[in-house]
Amino acid sequence: MRAVFDTNVLVAAFITEGICSKILMRGRKKQFHLIACPVILREFEQVLIKKFSTARNEARSALQIISEAIHSIERPSQLVQSVCRDPDDDAILVCALEGRADYLVTGDVDLLELKFFKEIRIVTPRDFELLFKD
């Protein structure tokens, strides 16, 4: 199983101890293949620093933890034509598409209302967690 976590899922994994941190831990344990792209990683670091006043070195440590979970980093070579209102969301969709993801895991309502993009299921962190049997 291959999945892309939207930035909001990664941020929630570090800010709270809940479903998002649980599914990130599954990625670190290699229970699925986590795919990322530079856009997601850059946005993650910026959100921690700007929104949560995280020190730059702590944000980099958080990136290191995420990198332990990542199976591959995609460098998208294509664009999608304005699927979402937010162009950053389109970049996430391209990452999932080029990474051949089965799932895009997000809390973003704009993405969730799509339900699918091509053959990629767009699900909440809770729905993604439900895919695991344990």
Protein backbone atom coordinates (compact mmCIF):
# COMPACT_ATOMS: atom_id res chain seq x y z
CA MET A 1 0.00 0.00 0.00
CA ARG A 2 1.32 3.46 -0.97
CA ALA A 3 0.18 6.72 0.62
CA VAL A 4 0.86 10.44 0.59
CA PHE A 5 0.22 12.42 3.77
CA ASP A 6 -0.85 16.01 3.25
CA THR A 7 1.09 18.59 5.26
CA ASN A 8 -1.75 19.00 7.77
CA VAL A 9 -1.48 15.31 8.69
CA LEU A 10 2.26 15.56 9.26
CA VAL A 11 1.88 18.70 11.36
CA ALA A 12 -0.87 17.09 13.45
CA ALA A 13 1.40 14.07 14.00
CA PHE A 14 3.88 16.35 15.79
CA ILE A 15 1.49 18.75 17.52
CA THR A 16 -0.91 16.19 18.99
CA GLU A 17 -0.80 12.57 20.06
CA GLY A 18 -3.63 11.04 18.12
CA ILE A 19 -4.48 9.27 14.90
CA CYS A 20 -1.98 11.27 12.82
CA SER A 21 0.95 10.39 15.06
CA LYS A 22 -0.22 6.76 15.06
CA ILE A 23 -0.28 6.49 11.26
CA LEU A 24 3.08 8.26 10.98
CA MET A 25 4.47 5.65 13.38
CA ARG A 26 3.06 2.95 11.06
CA GLY A 27 5.04 4.58 8.26
CA ARG A 28 8.20 4.55 10.38
CA LYS A 29 7.57 0.84 11.01
CA LYS A 30 7.27 0.35 7.23
CA GLN A 31 3.70 -0.98 7.41
CA PHE A 32 3.05 0.92 4.16
CA HIS A 33 5.06 3.04 1.73
CA LEU A 34 4.91 6.75 2.58
CA ILE A 35 5.55 9.01 -0.39
CA ALA A 36 6.43 12.69 -0.10
CA CYS A 37 7.61 15.54 -2.29
CA PRO A 38 9.66 18.68 -1.68
CA VAL A 39 6.50 20.85 -1.58
CA ILE A 40 5.07 18.88 1.36
CA LEU A 41 8.36 18.79 3.26
CA ARG A 42 9.03 22.50 2.75
CA GLU A 43 5.50 23.44 3.77
CA PHE A 44 5.73 21.20 6.86
CA GLU A 45 8.90 22.94 8.02
CA GLN A 46 7.46 26.41 7.33
CA VAL A 47 4.23 25.69 9.21
CA LEU A 48 6.12 24.45 12.27
CA ILE A 49 8.37 27.52 12.28
CA LYS A 50 5.84 30.21 11.40
CA LYS A 51 2.57 28.95 12.87
CA PHE A 52 3.85 27.09 15.91
CA SER A 53 7.02 29.13 16.63
CA THR A 54 9.18 26.03 16.47
CA ALA A 55 12.92 26.67 16.45
CA ARG A 56 14.52 25.92 13.07
CA ASN A 57 16.69 23.13 14.52
CA GLU A 58 13.61 21.49 16.11
CA ALA A 59 11.76 21.70 12.78
CA ARG A 60 14.72 20.02 11.11
CA SER A 61 14.64 17.28 13.75
CA ALA A 62 10.96 16.76 12.97
CA LEU A 63 11.86 16.49 9.27
CA GLN A 64 14.43 13.84 10.17
CA ILE A 65 11.75 11.79 11.95
CA ILE A 66 9.49 12.08 8.91
CA SER A 67 12.35 11.03 6.63
CA GLU A 68 12.58 7.76 8.61
CA ALA A 69 9.02 6.99 7.50
CA ILE A 70 9.38 8.06 3.86
CA HIS A 71 9.80 5.33 1.27
CA SER A 72 10.37 7.73 -1.65
CA ILE A 73 10.45 11.42 -2.45
CA GLU A 74 8.82 12.33 -5.74
CA ARG A 75 9.96 15.32 -7.72
CA PRO A 76 6.82 15.99 -9.75
CA SER A 77 7.44 16.64 -13.43
CA GLN A 78 3.85 17.33 -14.46
CA LEU A 79 1.07 19.68 -13.48
CA VAL A 80 -2.65 19.21 -13.05
CA GLN A 81 -5.02 21.87 -14.28
CA SER A 82 -6.65 23.63 -11.31
CA VAL A 83 -8.36 20.66 -9.72
CA CYS A 84 -8.52 22.46 -6.34
CA ARG A 85 -9.05 26.04 -5.24
CA ASP A 86 -5.62 26.05 -3.61
CA PRO A 87 -2.74 25.50 -6.08
CA ASP A 88 -0.73 23.87 -3.26
CA ASP A 89 -3.38 21.15 -3.15
CA ASP A 90 -2.83 20.51 -6.85
CA ALA A 91 0.87 19.93 -6.07
CA ILE A 92 -0.14 17.33 -3.46
CA LEU A 93 -2.32 15.57 -6.05
CA VAL A 94 0.60 15.47 -8.51
CA CYS A 95 2.83 14.00 -5.80
CA ALA A 96 0.26 11.26 -5.18
CA LEU A 97 -0.18 10.63 -8.90
CA GLU A 98 3.52 10.40 -9.72
CA GLY A 99 4.20 8.36 -6.60
CA ARG A 100 1.52 5.89 -7.71
CA ALA A 101 -0.19 6.30 -4.34
CA ASP A 102 -3.23 4.28 -3.43
CA TYR A 103 -4.26 6.85 -0.81
CA LEU A 104 -3.95 10.55 -0.18
CA VAL A 105 -4.45 11.13 3.55
CA THR A 106 -5.63 14.61 4.48
CA GLY A 107 -7.77 16.72 6.73
CA ASP A 108 -8.27 19.31 3.98
CA VAL A 109 -11.97 19.61 3.17
CA ASP A 110 -11.28 20.76 -0.40
CA LEU A 111 -9.34 17.57 -1.10
CA LEU A 112 -11.66 15.29 0.87
CA GLU A 113 -14.71 16.37 -1.11
CA LEU A 114 -13.03 15.02 -4.27
CA LYS A 115 -13.08 11.50 -2.73
CA PHE A 116 -10.92 10.24 -5.63
CA PHE A 117 -8.30 11.67 -7.95
CA LYS A 118 -7.76 9.31 -10.86
CA GLU A 119 -7.53 5.97 -8.96
CA ILE A 120 -6.22 7.53 -5.74
CA ARG A 121 -8.63 7.43 -2.78
CA ILE A 122 -8.64 10.60 -0.71
CA VAL A 123 -9.32 9.76 2.93
CA THR A 124 -9.14 11.18 6.43
CA PRO A 125 -6.42 10.00 8.81
CA ARG A 126 -9.07 8.04 10.76
CA ASP A 127 -10.26 6.24 7.61
CA PHE A 128 -6.66 5.43 6.70
CA GLU A 129 -6.03 3.99 10.18
CA LEU A 130 -9.11 1.76 9.78
CA LEU A 131 -7.38 0.01 6.86
CA PHE A 132 -5.03 -1.71 9.31
CA LYS A 133 -6.19 -4.89 11.01
CA ASP A 134 -4.41 -4.57 14.35
